[in-house]
């Protein structure tokens, strides 16, 4: 079982690394495109379309790692006013609901991705490429919510980590 969990952890980190690398590549491509235009040279035609598509990949590939590290953005103004027992119960309910929703979205997105194989969009990209990160990202988000729930880790209270 340790080997499976270690492999799973490596996948989550690998997805986050891929998202980070993609973010760096997109940033460099945008900077190069802007520089070319500023110099009066023709811009690179594919930068806008690749950037648009990359934003989906960056978001969904990096989200499971962010959830694991509790580095996601959360507004806890109301939650921090609750007593600790109510806060834990609410956190468990939120984790269970989010896990169910993410896994349902992963299932639906997998079907959409499979249906789109063989189709092309206006930018001459395979249509499945637009949908491919959805089942992957939502599946791993769902499993991360389940891990939080099974470990009994609090969902709320990540503000303590912000001081580190």
Foldseek 3Di string as FASTA:
>chain_A
DVVVVVVLVVQLVVLQVVLVVLVVVLVVLVVVQVVCVVVVHHGDVCSVVSNVLSVLSSCLSNVLVCQLLVVDDDDCPPLVPDDPVVQLVVQLVVLVVLLVVLQVQLVVLVVVLVVQAPPADPVRDRPSSSSVSSNVSSNSNSVSSVVCNVVSPGSPDCVVVVVD
